Amino acid sequence: MKRIVHYSLFIISIGLIHSQKAEIKYDDDFSFQFVMKKNENFNPFNKTGFHVIPGESFEKLKVRFKVNSNSGKRINFDPNKFYLLDDNRKQRLRPVELRYKYWQGYYSFPFLLHVPLEKDYEMSSFSYSPEINDTFKNYYKIGYKDIPSQVCFDPKSTIFKKQKAKPVSYYYGKAKLKSTKINIHFLIPKDFKSGRLFYGNLFLEKIEAN
């Protein structure tokens, strides 16, 4: 009898584990399954020559999704369609960084600039590619203010003239993906309460404060 009870409890526990898996959401080209979210202390990009603009007291929110192409083939993935609606502040937040898993590490989607930089501010990590559309603009929400992702570029030289750091907005290039995980990083105020994460018009996940 004990064996039967133990076996039944084992079956029930396995059923609970499977029932806790996040729902898979589909758009035309990819499926999305929520994996985890984590709040982290804000730390500006640790790269020489530029830094993220936090604006006020912020912390970093990381959200991870498992992503699969519906065709089972490697096709272009557009990361600019991710955004977070902060329902309390009525803001539409853009990710400050997006990384996809490749082999043993996570690689950043290419950083693209909306306008070319002056020569003294050029940075190899950012490029100007006007032929690549910024589709973030296509999903404007009435009643919500768009909050762009911005970096501040330091001048290469200040020997002959006084130059200040230059704030610029940026977006992302595409990558060919088949099956991987994507980390989506946002800067959120420390008093953030809740929001809704989207990919284009597809609702992905309710994001609650810790």
N, C-alpha and C. Protein backbone atom coordinates (compact mmCIF):
# COMPACT_ATOMS: atom_id res chain seq x y z
N MET A 1 0.83 -1.21 0.00
CA MET A 1 0.00 0.00 0.00
C MET A 1 0.87 1.26 0.00
N LYS A 2 1.95 1.23 0.76
CA LYS A 2 2.84 2.39 0.84
C LYS A 2 3.42 2.68 -0.53
N ARG A 3 3.78 1.61 -1.24
CA ARG A 3 4.37 1.80 -2.57
C ARG A 3 3.38 2.49 -3.51
N ILE A 4 2.11 2.09 -3.42
CA ILE A 4 1.08 2.69 -4.28
C ILE A 4 0.91 4.17 -3.96
N VAL A 5 0.89 4.50 -2.66
CA VAL A 5 0.76 5.91 -2.25
C VAL A 5 1.94 6.72 -2.74
N HIS A 6 3.15 6.21 -2.53
CA HIS A 6 4.35 6.93 -2.95
C HIS A 6 4.37 7.12 -4.46
N TYR A 7 3.96 6.10 -5.19
CA TYR A 7 3.94 6.18 -6.65
C TYR A 7 2.93 7.24 -7.12
N SER A 8 1.77 7.27 -6.45
CA SER A 8 0.74 8.24 -6.80
C SER A 8 1.21 9.67 -6.55
N LEU A 9 1.90 9.86 -5.41
CA LEU A 9 2.43 11.19 -5.11
C LEU A 9 3.48 11.60 -6.13
N PHE A 10 4.26 10.65 -6.60
CA PHE A 10 5.29 10.93 -7.60
C PHE A 10 4.64 11.38 -8.90
N ILE A 11 3.55 10.67 -9.31
CA ILE A 11 2.85 11.03 -10.53
C ILE A 11 2.25 12.42 -10.41
N ILE A 12 1.67 12.74 -9.25
CA ILE A 12 1.07 14.06 -9.02
C ILE A 12 2.13 15.16 -9.10
N SER A 13 3.30 14.92 -8.48
CA SER A 13 4.36 15.93 -8.48
C SER A 13 4.88 16.17 -9.89
N ILE A 14 5.00 15.10 -10.70
CA ILE A 14 5.44 15.26 -12.08
C ILE A 14 4.42 16.09 -12.86
N GLY A 15 3.14 15.82 -12.61
CA GLY A 15 2.09 16.58 -13.28
C GLY A 15 2.13 18.04 -12.94
N LEU A 16 2.43 18.38 -11.68
CA LEU A 16 2.52 19.78 -11.26
C LEU A 16 3.69 20.48 -11.93
N ILE A 17 4.82 19.78 -12.06
CA ILE A 17 5.99 20.36 -12.71
C ILE A 17 5.66 20.73 -14.15
N HIS A 18 4.99 19.80 -14.87
CA HIS A 18 4.66 20.07 -16.26
C HIS A 18 3.62 21.18 -16.39
N SER A 19 2.69 21.25 -15.44
CA SER A 19 1.64 22.27 -15.52
C SER A 19 2.18 23.67 -15.27
N GLN A 20 3.36 23.78 -14.66
CA GLN A 20 3.93 25.07 -14.35
C GLN A 20 4.74 25.65 -15.51
N LYS A 21 4.88 24.92 -16.61
CA LYS A 21 5.59 25.42 -17.76
C LYS A 21 4.83 26.59 -18.37
N ALA A 22 5.58 27.61 -18.78
CA ALA A 22 4.95 28.80 -19.34
C ALA A 22 4.28 28.49 -20.67
N GLU A 23 3.22 29.21 -20.94
CA GLU A 23 2.50 29.05 -22.20
C GLU A 23 3.38 29.48 -23.37
N ILE A 24 3.27 28.78 -24.48
CA ILE A 24 4.00 29.14 -25.69
C ILE A 24 3.14 30.10 -26.51
N LYS A 25 3.72 31.24 -26.88
CA LYS A 25 3.01 32.24 -27.69
C LYS A 25 3.60 32.24 -29.10
N TYR A 26 2.75 32.48 -30.10
CA TYR A 26 3.19 32.42 -31.49
C TYR A 26 2.90 33.72 -32.22
N ASP A 27 3.89 34.14 -33.05
CA ASP A 27 3.60 35.16 -34.05
C ASP A 27 3.78 34.50 -35.42
N ASP A 28 3.88 35.26 -36.47
CA ASP A 28 3.94 34.66 -37.81
C ASP A 28 5.19 33.82 -38.04
N ASP A 29 6.31 34.21 -37.42
CA ASP A 29 7.59 33.55 -37.72
C ASP A 29 8.22 32.78 -36.56
N PHE A 30 7.90 33.18 -35.32
CA PHE A 30 8.57 32.58 -34.16
C PHE A 30 7.58 32.27 -33.04
N SER A 31 7.99 31.33 -32.18
CA SER A 31 7.25 31.06 -30.94
C SER A 31 8.10 31.54 -29.77
N PHE A 32 7.42 31.91 -28.67
CA PHE A 32 8.08 32.48 -27.50
C PHE A 32 7.58 31.76 -26.25
N GLN A 33 8.51 31.38 -25.38
CA GLN A 33 8.15 30.77 -24.10
C GLN A 33 8.95 31.42 -22.99
N PHE A 34 8.24 31.99 -22.02
CA PHE A 34 8.89 32.67 -20.90
C PHE A 34 9.73 31.68 -20.09
N VAL A 35 10.95 32.11 -19.71
CA VAL A 35 11.86 31.28 -18.92
C VAL A 35 12.05 31.85 -17.52
N MET A 36 12.43 33.14 -17.43
CA MET A 36 12.70 33.74 -16.12
C MET A 36 12.78 35.24 -16.24
N LYS A 37 12.69 35.90 -15.07
CA LYS A 37 12.98 37.33 -14.97
C LYS A 37 13.81 37.56 -13.72
N LYS A 38 14.64 38.60 -13.75
CA LYS A 38 15.53 38.87 -12.63
C LYS A 38 15.83 40.36 -12.57
N ASN A 39 15.72 40.95 -11.40
CA ASN A 39 16.11 42.33 -11.19
C ASN A 39 17.57 42.39 -10.75
N GLU A 40 18.31 43.32 -11.34
CA GLU A 40 19.74 43.44 -11.04
C GLU A 40 20.07 44.90 -10.78
N ASN A 41 21.14 45.14 -10.05
CA ASN A 41 21.62 46.51 -9.86
C ASN A 41 22.08 47.08 -11.18
N PHE A 42 21.79 48.36 -11.40
CA PHE A 42 22.19 48.98 -12.65
C PHE A 42 23.70 49.18 -12.71
N ASN A 43 24.28 48.76 -13.84
CA ASN A 43 25.71 48.94 -14.07
C ASN A 43 25.89 49.36 -15.52
N PRO A 44 26.33 50.61 -15.77
CA PRO A 44 26.49 51.06 -17.15
C PRO A 44 27.39 50.12 -17.94
N PHE A 45 27.16 50.08 -19.24
CA PHE A 45 27.99 49.22 -20.09
C PHE A 45 29.46 49.47 -19.79
N ASN A 46 30.18 48.42 -19.55
CA ASN A 46 31.58 48.54 -19.19
C ASN A 46 32.44 48.52 -20.45
N LYS A 47 32.31 49.56 -21.24
CA LYS A 47 33.08 49.65 -22.47
C LYS A 47 33.65 51.06 -22.58
N THR A 48 34.87 51.16 -23.05
CA THR A 48 35.53 52.46 -23.14
C THR A 48 34.85 53.33 -24.20
N GLY A 49 34.53 54.54 -23.85
CA GLY A 49 34.04 55.51 -24.82
C GLY A 49 32.57 55.78 -24.78
N PHE A 50 31.75 54.95 -24.13
CA PHE A 50 30.33 55.26 -24.05
C PHE A 50 29.73 54.62 -22.81
N HIS A 51 28.58 55.12 -22.42
CA HIS A 51 27.88 54.55 -21.28
C HIS A 51 26.39 54.78 -21.43
N VAL A 52 25.60 53.89 -20.84
CA VAL A 52 24.15 54.01 -20.88
C VAL A 52 23.71 55.17 -20.02
N ILE A 53 22.65 55.85 -20.46
CA ILE A 53 22.12 56.99 -19.71
C ILE A 53 20.98 56.51 -18.82
N PRO A 54 21.17 56.43 -17.51
CA PRO A 54 20.09 55.95 -16.64
C PRO A 54 19.02 57.00 -16.36
N GLY A 55 19.39 58.27 -16.27
CA GLY A 55 18.41 59.32 -16.09
C GLY A 55 18.04 59.57 -14.63
N GLU A 56 17.74 58.55 -13.86
CA GLU A 56 17.41 58.71 -12.45
C GLU A 56 17.72 57.39 -11.75
N SER A 57 17.09 57.14 -10.62
CA SER A 57 17.38 55.93 -9.86
C SER A 57 16.74 54.71 -10.52
N PHE A 58 17.55 53.94 -11.21
CA PHE A 58 17.07 52.80 -11.97
C PHE A 58 17.73 51.51 -11.51
N GLU A 59 17.11 50.41 -11.88
CA GLU A 59 17.72 49.10 -11.77
C GLU A 59 17.49 48.36 -13.08
N LYS A 60 18.22 47.28 -13.25
CA LYS A 60 18.16 46.54 -14.50
C LYS A 60 17.23 45.34 -14.36
N LEU A 61 16.36 45.17 -15.33
CA LEU A 61 15.46 44.03 -15.38
C LEU A 61 15.88 43.13 -16.54
N LYS A 62 16.12 41.86 -16.24
CA LYS A 62 16.45 40.89 -17.29
C LYS A 62 15.31 39.89 -17.41
N VAL A 63 14.83 39.72 -18.64
CA VAL A 63 13.79 38.75 -18.93
C VAL A 63 14.31 37.79 -19.99
N ARG A 64 14.10 36.50 -19.79
CA ARG A 64 14.61 35.50 -20.73
C ARG A 64 13.46 34.71 -21.34
N PHE A 65 13.55 34.53 -22.67
CA PHE A 65 12.57 33.73 -23.39
C PHE A 65 13.27 32.67 -24.24
N LYS A 66 12.61 31.54 -24.39
CA LYS A 66 13.03 30.54 -25.36
C LYS A 66 12.32 30.85 -26.66
N VAL A 67 13.08 30.92 -27.75
CA VAL A 67 12.53 31.34 -29.04
C VAL A 67 12.82 30.27 -30.09
N ASN A 68 11.82 29.91 -30.86
CA ASN A 68 11.97 28.92 -31.94
C ASN A 68 11.31 29.44 -33.21
N SER A 69 11.96 29.22 -34.34
CA SER A 69 11.33 29.60 -35.61
C SER A 69 10.24 28.60 -35.93
N ASN A 70 9.12 29.08 -36.45
CA ASN A 70 8.00 28.19 -36.76
C ASN A 70 8.31 27.25 -37.91
N SER A 71 9.22 27.66 -38.79
CA SER A 71 9.59 26.83 -39.95
C SER A 71 10.63 25.77 -39.61
N GLY A 72 11.28 25.91 -38.44
CA GLY A 72 12.36 25.00 -38.09
C GLY A 72 13.66 25.33 -38.81
N LYS A 73 13.71 26.49 -39.47
CA LYS A 73 14.91 26.92 -40.19
C LYS A 73 15.43 28.23 -39.59
N ARG A 74 16.70 28.53 -39.87
CA ARG A 74 17.29 29.79 -39.42
C ARG A 74 16.77 30.93 -40.29
N ILE A 75 16.07 31.86 -39.66
CA ILE A 75 15.53 33.01 -40.38
C ILE A 75 15.81 34.28 -39.58
N ASN A 76 15.67 35.41 -40.23
CA ASN A 76 15.95 36.69 -39.58
C ASN A 76 14.99 36.95 -38.43
N PHE A 77 15.57 37.33 -37.30
CA PHE A 77 14.79 37.70 -36.12
C PHE A 77 14.98 39.19 -35.88
N ASP A 78 13.87 39.91 -35.71
CA ASP A 78 13.90 41.36 -35.51
C ASP A 78 13.72 41.68 -34.02
N PRO A 79 14.78 42.04 -33.31
CA PRO A 79 14.68 42.33 -31.87
C PRO A 79 14.05 43.67 -31.55
N ASN A 80 13.87 44.53 -32.56
CA ASN A 80 13.30 45.85 -32.31
C ASN A 80 11.83 45.82 -31.95
N LYS A 81 11.20 44.65 -32.11
CA LYS A 81 9.76 44.53 -31.83
C LYS A 81 9.48 44.28 -30.34
N PHE A 82 10.53 44.09 -29.52
CA PHE A 82 10.33 43.93 -28.07
C PHE A 82 10.09 45.29 -27.43
N TYR A 83 9.14 45.35 -26.50
CA TYR A 83 8.96 46.55 -25.68
C TYR A 83 8.17 46.19 -24.43
N LEU A 84 8.34 47.02 -23.41
CA LEU A 84 7.67 46.83 -22.12
C LEU A 84 6.77 48.03 -21.85
N LEU A 85 5.48 47.77 -21.61
CA LEU A 85 4.55 48.84 -21.25
C LEU A 85 4.52 48.98 -19.73
N ASP A 86 4.97 50.14 -19.25
CA ASP A 86 4.88 50.47 -17.83
C ASP A 86 3.51 51.09 -17.61
N ASP A 87 2.59 50.30 -17.06
CA ASP A 87 1.21 50.75 -16.95
C ASP A 87 1.02 51.84 -15.90
N ASN A 88 1.92 51.93 -14.94
CA ASN A 88 1.81 52.95 -13.91
C ASN A 88 2.21 54.32 -14.45
N ARG A 89 3.34 54.37 -15.16
CA ARG A 89 3.84 55.63 -15.71
C ARG A 89 3.33 55.91 -17.12
N LYS A 90 2.64 54.98 -17.72
CA LYS A 90 2.16 55.11 -19.08
C LYS A 90 3.33 55.38 -20.04
N GLN A 91 4.33 54.49 -19.95
CA GLN A 91 5.51 54.59 -20.81
C GLN A 91 5.72 53.28 -21.57
N ARG A 92 6.26 53.41 -22.78
CA ARG A 92 6.63 52.23 -23.57
C ARG A 92 8.16 52.17 -23.61
N LEU A 93 8.71 51.21 -22.92
CA LEU A 93 10.16 51.13 -22.74
C LEU A 93 10.81 50.23 -23.79
N ARG A 94 11.92 50.71 -24.29
CA ARG A 94 12.71 49.90 -25.23
C ARG A 94 13.82 49.20 -24.47
N PRO A 95 14.19 47.97 -24.84
CA PRO A 95 15.31 47.30 -24.18
C PRO A 95 16.62 48.08 -24.38
N VAL A 96 17.47 48.09 -23.35
CA VAL A 96 18.78 48.74 -23.47
C VAL A 96 19.81 47.77 -24.04
N GLU A 97 19.51 46.48 -23.98
CA GLU A 97 20.40 45.49 -24.59
C GLU A 97 19.62 44.20 -24.82
N LEU A 98 19.99 43.50 -25.90
CA LEU A 98 19.36 42.23 -26.24
C LEU A 98 20.45 41.24 -26.62
N ARG A 99 20.41 40.06 -26.01
CA ARG A 99 21.43 39.04 -26.27
C ARG A 99 20.77 37.69 -26.57
N TYR A 100 21.34 36.96 -27.52
CA TYR A 100 20.84 35.63 -27.85
C TYR A 100 21.94 34.59 -27.57
N LYS A 101 21.49 33.40 -27.17
CA LYS A 101 22.45 32.35 -26.82
C LYS A 101 23.00 31.69 -28.08
N TYR A 102 24.30 31.54 -28.12
CA TYR A 102 24.97 30.88 -29.24
C TYR A 102 26.12 30.05 -28.67
N TRP A 103 26.01 28.75 -28.81
CA TRP A 103 26.97 27.83 -28.21
C TRP A 103 27.04 28.04 -26.70
N GLN A 104 28.20 28.43 -26.18
CA GLN A 104 28.37 28.52 -24.73
C GLN A 104 28.14 29.91 -24.15
N GLY A 105 27.83 30.89 -25.00
CA GLY A 105 27.69 32.25 -24.49
C GLY A 105 26.49 32.98 -25.07
N TYR A 106 26.32 34.23 -24.65
CA TYR A 106 25.26 35.09 -25.16
C TYR A 106 25.89 36.22 -25.95
N TYR A 107 25.37 36.47 -27.15
CA TYR A 107 25.91 37.48 -28.04
C TYR A 107 24.91 38.61 -28.23
N SER A 108 25.39 39.83 -28.26
CA SER A 108 24.52 40.98 -28.44
C SER A 108 24.06 41.10 -29.89
N PHE A 109 22.80 41.49 -30.07
CA PHE A 109 22.36 41.91 -31.39
C PHE A 109 23.13 43.18 -31.74
N PRO A 110 23.42 43.41 -33.03
CA PRO A 110 24.20 44.59 -33.42
C PRO A 110 23.53 45.89 -32.97
N PHE A 111 24.36 46.84 -32.51
CA PHE A 111 23.87 48.16 -32.13
C PHE A 111 23.89 49.07 -33.37
N LEU A 112 22.75 49.69 -33.66
CA LEU A 112 22.64 50.58 -34.82
C LEU A 112 22.22 51.97 -34.38
N LEU A 113 22.71 52.97 -35.09
CA LEU A 113 22.42 54.37 -34.78
C LEU A 113 21.36 54.93 -35.73
N HIS A 114 20.53 55.82 -35.21
CA HIS A 114 19.53 56.46 -36.05
C HIS A 114 20.14 57.54 -36.95
N VAL A 115 21.21 58.14 -36.50
CA VAL A 115 21.91 59.17 -37.29
C VAL A 115 23.41 58.89 -37.22
N PRO A 116 24.16 59.24 -38.26
CA PRO A 116 25.61 59.02 -38.22
C PRO A 116 26.28 59.93 -37.21
N LEU A 117 27.35 59.46 -36.62
CA LEU A 117 28.10 60.26 -35.65
C LEU A 117 29.19 61.06 -36.32
N GLU A 118 29.53 62.17 -35.70
CA GLU A 118 30.69 62.92 -36.15
C GLU A 118 31.94 62.08 -35.94
N LYS A 119 32.95 62.32 -36.73
CA LYS A 119 34.15 61.48 -36.73
C LYS A 119 34.77 61.33 -35.35
N ASP A 120 34.75 62.41 -34.57
CA ASP A 120 35.41 62.37 -33.26
C ASP A 120 34.62 61.57 -32.23
N TYR A 121 33.40 61.14 -32.62
CA TYR A 121 32.57 60.37 -31.69
C TYR A 121 32.33 58.95 -32.19
N GLU A 122 32.89 58.59 -33.31
CA GLU A 122 32.64 57.27 -33.90
C GLU A 122 33.08 56.15 -32.97
N MET A 123 32.30 55.07 -32.97
CA MET A 123 32.57 53.93 -32.09
C MET A 123 32.30 52.66 -32.88
N SER A 124 33.28 51.74 -32.88
CA SER A 124 33.17 50.53 -33.71
C SER A 124 32.01 49.63 -33.27
N SER A 125 31.59 49.72 -32.02
CA SER A 125 30.50 48.87 -31.53
C SER A 125 29.14 49.30 -32.07
N PHE A 126 29.05 50.53 -32.61
CA PHE A 126 27.81 51.06 -33.14
C PHE A 126 28.01 51.43 -34.60
N SER A 127 27.03 51.13 -35.43
CA SER A 127 27.15 51.45 -36.84
C SER A 127 25.88 52.15 -37.33
N TYR A 128 26.00 52.83 -38.44
CA TYR A 128 24.88 53.53 -39.06
C TYR A 128 24.45 52.74 -40.29
N SER A 129 23.26 52.16 -40.25
CA SER A 129 22.76 51.33 -41.35
C SER A 129 21.31 51.72 -41.65
N PRO A 130 21.11 52.83 -42.37
CA PRO A 130 19.75 53.35 -42.60
C PRO A 130 18.87 52.40 -43.40
N GLU A 131 19.46 51.41 -44.08
CA GLU A 131 18.65 50.46 -44.85
C GLU A 131 17.90 49.48 -43.95
N ILE A 132 18.29 49.41 -42.66
CA ILE A 132 17.61 48.53 -41.70
C ILE A 132 16.59 49.37 -40.93
N ASN A 133 15.34 49.02 -41.07
CA ASN A 133 14.26 49.79 -40.43
C ASN A 133 14.19 49.54 -38.93
N ASP A 134 13.84 50.58 -38.20
CA ASP A 134 13.61 50.46 -36.75
C ASP A 134 12.12 50.22 -36.55
N THR A 135 11.74 48.95 -36.42
CA THR A 135 10.31 48.60 -36.35
C THR A 135 9.69 48.88 -34.98
N PHE A 136 10.48 49.29 -34.01
CA PHE A 136 9.93 49.71 -32.71
C PHE A 136 8.89 50.81 -32.90
N LYS A 137 9.13 51.66 -33.88
CA LYS A 137 8.26 52.81 -34.13
C LYS A 137 6.88 52.37 -34.65
N ASN A 138 6.79 51.14 -35.16
CA ASN A 138 5.53 50.68 -35.76
C ASN A 138 4.47 50.28 -34.73
N TYR A 139 4.86 50.22 -33.46
CA TYR A 139 3.94 49.67 -32.45
C TYR A 139 3.64 50.69 -31.35
N TYR A 140 3.53 51.94 -31.77
CA TYR A 140 3.18 53.02 -30.85
C TYR A 140 1.84 52.73 -30.18
N LYS A 141 1.77 52.98 -28.87
CA LYS A 141 0.55 52.76 -28.11
C LYS A 141 -0.05 54.10 -27.69
N ILE A 142 -1.29 54.32 -28.02
CA ILE A 142 -1.97 55.56 -27.64
C ILE A 142 -2.02 55.69 -26.13
N GLY A 143 -1.63 56.85 -25.63
CA GLY A 143 -1.63 57.11 -24.20
C GLY A 143 -0.33 56.75 -23.51
N TYR A 144 0.64 56.18 -24.25
CA TYR A 144 1.94 55.80 -23.68
C TYR A 144 3.05 56.62 -24.35
N LYS A 145 3.99 57.07 -23.57
CA LYS A 145 5.14 57.82 -24.09
C LYS A 145 6.28 56.86 -24.40
N ASP A 146 6.85 56.98 -25.58
CA ASP A 146 7.98 56.13 -25.97
C ASP A 146 9.25 56.57 -25.25
N ILE A 147 9.94 55.62 -24.62
CA ILE A 147 11.21 55.88 -23.94
C ILE A 147 12.31 55.16 -24.73
N PRO A 148 13.16 55.89 -25.44
CA PRO A 148 14.19 55.24 -26.26
C PRO A 148 15.34 54.71 -25.41
N SER A 149 16.10 53.84 -26.02
CA SER A 149 17.36 53.42 -25.40
C SER A 149 18.43 54.41 -25.86
N GLN A 150 19.24 54.90 -24.93
CA GLN A 150 20.24 55.91 -25.26
C GLN A 150 21.59 55.56 -24.64
N VAL A 151 22.64 56.01 -25.33
CA VAL A 151 23.99 55.94 -24.79
C VAL A 151 24.61 57.32 -24.90
N CYS A 152 25.64 57.53 -24.13
CA CYS A 152 26.36 58.79 -24.16
C CYS A 152 27.77 58.52 -24.64
N PHE A 153 28.14 59.07 -25.81
CA PHE A 153 29.46 58.86 -26.39
C PHE A 153 30.44 59.91 -25.90
N ASP A 154 31.58 59.47 -25.44
CA ASP A 154 32.65 60.38 -25.05
C ASP A 154 33.50 60.71 -26.28
N PRO A 155 33.96 61.95 -26.42
CA PRO A 155 34.80 62.29 -27.56
C PRO A 155 36.14 61.57 -27.50
N LYS A 156 36.69 61.29 -28.69
CA LYS A 156 37.99 60.59 -28.74
C LYS A 156 39.12 61.50 -28.27
N SER A 157 38.98 62.80 -28.55
CA SER A 157 40.05 63.72 -28.20
C SER A 157 39.48 65.06 -27.75
N THR A 158 40.08 65.66 -26.75
CA THR A 158 39.67 66.99 -26.29
C THR A 158 40.88 67.92 -26.20
N ILE A 159 41.90 67.61 -27.00
CA ILE A 159 43.16 68.37 -26.92
C ILE A 159 42.99 69.78 -27.46
N PHE A 160 42.35 69.88 -28.66
CA PHE A 160 42.30 71.18 -29.33
C PHE A 160 40.98 71.93 -29.13
N LYS A 161 39.97 71.24 -28.63
CA LYS A 161 38.69 71.93 -28.43
C LYS A 161 37.92 71.24 -27.32
N LYS A 162 37.10 72.02 -26.68
CA LYS A 162 36.30 71.46 -25.60
C LYS A 162 35.11 70.72 -26.20
N GLN A 163 34.98 69.48 -25.84
CA GLN A 163 33.88 68.67 -26.34
C GLN A 163 33.18 67.97 -25.18
N LYS A 164 31.90 67.86 -25.29
CA LYS A 164 31.12 67.19 -24.27
C LYS A 164 30.66 65.83 -24.78
N ALA A 165 30.28 64.97 -23.85
CA ALA A 165 29.72 63.69 -24.23
C ALA A 165 28.43 63.92 -25.00
N LYS A 166 28.19 63.07 -26.00
CA LYS A 166 27.04 63.25 -26.88
C LYS A 166 26.02 62.13 -26.66
N PRO A 167 24.80 62.46 -26.23
CA PRO A 167 23.76 61.44 -26.07
C PRO A 167 23.12 61.11 -27.41
N VAL A 168 22.97 59.82 -27.70
CA VAL A 168 22.33 59.39 -28.94
C VAL A 168 21.43 58.18 -28.65
N SER A 169 20.38 58.04 -29.45
CA SER A 169 19.52 56.88 -29.33
C SER A 169 19.98 55.80 -30.32
N TYR A 170 19.61 54.57 -30.05
CA TYR A 170 20.04 53.47 -30.91
C TYR A 170 18.97 52.40 -31.01
N TYR A 171 19.14 51.50 -31.98
CA TYR A 171 18.26 50.35 -32.13
C TYR A 171 19.12 49.14 -32.48
N TYR A 172 18.52 48.07 -33.04
CA TYR A 172 19.26 46.81 -33.18
C TYR A 172 19.18 46.24 -34.58
N GLY A 173 20.25 45.55 -34.96
CA GLY A 173 20.25 44.80 -36.20
C GLY A 173 19.66 43.41 -35.99
N LYS A 174 19.37 42.74 -37.07
CA LYS A 174 18.76 41.42 -37.00
C LYS A 174 19.82 40.33 -36.91
N ALA A 175 19.37 39.12 -36.57
CA ALA A 175 20.24 37.94 -36.55
C ALA A 175 19.42 36.75 -37.02
N LYS A 176 20.06 35.81 -37.70
CA LYS A 176 19.38 34.60 -38.15
C LYS A 176 19.32 33.61 -36.99
N LEU A 177 18.10 33.24 -36.59
CA LEU A 177 17.91 32.35 -35.45
C LEU A 177 17.00 31.19 -35.84
N LYS A 178 17.23 30.06 -35.16
CA LYS A 178 16.38 28.88 -35.34
C LYS A 178 15.75 28.48 -34.01
N SER A 179 16.59 28.14 -33.04
CA SER A 179 16.13 27.76 -31.71
C SER A 179 17.17 28.24 -30.70
N THR A 180 16.77 29.15 -29.81
CA THR A 180 17.74 29.73 -28.88
C THR A 180 16.99 30.36 -27.70
N LYS A 181 17.76 30.99 -26.82
CA LYS A 181 17.20 31.78 -25.73
C LYS A 181 17.65 33.22 -25.91
N ILE A 182 16.78 34.15 -25.55
CA ILE A 182 17.09 35.57 -25.69
C ILE A 182 16.93 36.26 -24.35
N ASN A 183 17.95 37.02 -23.96
CA ASN A 183 17.89 37.86 -22.77
C ASN A 183 17.52 39.28 -23.18
N ILE A 184 16.48 39.80 -22.56
CA ILE A 184 15.99 41.15 -22.86
C ILE A 184 16.25 42.00 -21.63
N HIS A 185 17.02 43.07 -21.78
CA HIS A 185 17.40 43.92 -20.65
C HIS A 185 16.71 45.27 -20.74
N PHE A 186 16.05 45.65 -19.65
CA PHE A 186 15.41 46.96 -19.55
C PHE A 186 15.99 47.72 -18.36
N LEU A 187 15.94 49.04 -18.42
CA LEU A 187 16.18 49.88 -17.25
C LEU A 187 14.83 50.30 -16.72
N ILE A 188 14.55 49.97 -15.47
CA ILE A 188 13.26 50.32 -14.87
C ILE A 188 13.49 51.09 -13.58
N PRO A 189 12.60 52.02 -13.23
CA PRO A 189 12.72 52.72 -11.94
C PRO A 189 12.61 51.73 -10.79
N LYS A 190 13.25 52.05 -9.70
CA LYS A 190 13.24 51.13 -8.56
C LYS A 190 11.85 50.99 -7.94
N ASP A 191 10.96 51.92 -8.23
CA ASP A 191 9.59 51.80 -7.73
C ASP A 191 8.63 51.25 -8.80
N PHE A 192 9.20 50.61 -9.81
CA PHE A 192 8.39 49.96 -10.86
C PHE A 192 7.42 48.97 -10.22
N LYS A 193 6.16 48.99 -10.66
CA LYS A 193 5.14 48.13 -10.07
C LYS A 193 4.77 46.95 -10.97
N SER A 194 4.40 47.24 -12.20
CA SER A 194 4.04 46.16 -13.11
C SER A 194 4.07 46.67 -14.54
N GLY A 195 4.14 45.74 -15.48
CA GLY A 195 4.14 46.10 -16.88
C GLY A 195 3.79 44.89 -17.73
N ARG A 196 3.66 45.13 -19.03
CA ARG A 196 3.33 44.06 -19.97
C ARG A 196 4.36 44.03 -21.08
N LEU A 197 4.93 42.86 -21.30
CA LEU A 197 5.98 42.69 -22.31
C LEU A 197 5.36 42.20 -23.62
N PHE A 198 5.73 42.88 -24.71
CA PHE A 198 5.20 42.55 -26.04
C PHE A 198 6.34 42.27 -27.02
N TYR A 199 5.98 41.51 -28.07
CA TYR A 199 6.80 41.41 -29.27
C TYR A 199 5.89 41.81 -30.43
N GLY A 200 6.07 43.03 -30.92
CA GLY A 200 5.13 43.55 -31.89
C GLY A 200 3.77 43.71 -31.23
N ASN A 201 2.74 43.12 -31.85
CA ASN A 201 1.40 43.15 -31.26
C ASN A 201 1.11 41.95 -30.39
N LEU A 202 2.09 41.04 -30.26
CA LEU A 202 1.89 39.81 -29.49
C LEU A 202 2.22 40.03 -28.02
N PHE A 203 1.24 39.85 -27.15
CA PHE A 203 1.47 39.93 -25.72
C PHE A 203 2.23 38.69 -25.27
N LEU A 204 3.36 38.92 -24.55
CA LEU A 204 4.20 37.81 -24.12
C LEU A 204 4.05 37.46 -22.64
N GLU A 205 4.12 38.48 -21.77
CA GLU A 205 4.17 38.16 -20.33
C GLU A 205 3.83 39.39 -19.48
N LYS A 206 3.13 39.14 -18.38
CA LYS A 206 2.91 40.16 -17.36
C LYS A 206 4.15 40.22 -16.48
N ILE A 207 4.72 41.39 -16.29
CA ILE A 207 5.93 41.56 -15.49
C ILE A 207 5.57 42.28 -14.21
N GLU A 208 5.73 41.62 -13.08
CA GLU A 208 5.43 42.19 -11.78
C GLU A 208 6.71 42.58 -11.04
N ALA A 209 6.62 43.61 -10.20
CA ALA A 209 7.76 44.01 -9.38
C ALA A 209 8.09 42.90 -8.39
N ASN A 210 9.36 42.82 -8.03
CA ASN A 210 9.78 41.80 -7.05
C ASN A 210 9.20 42.10 -5.67
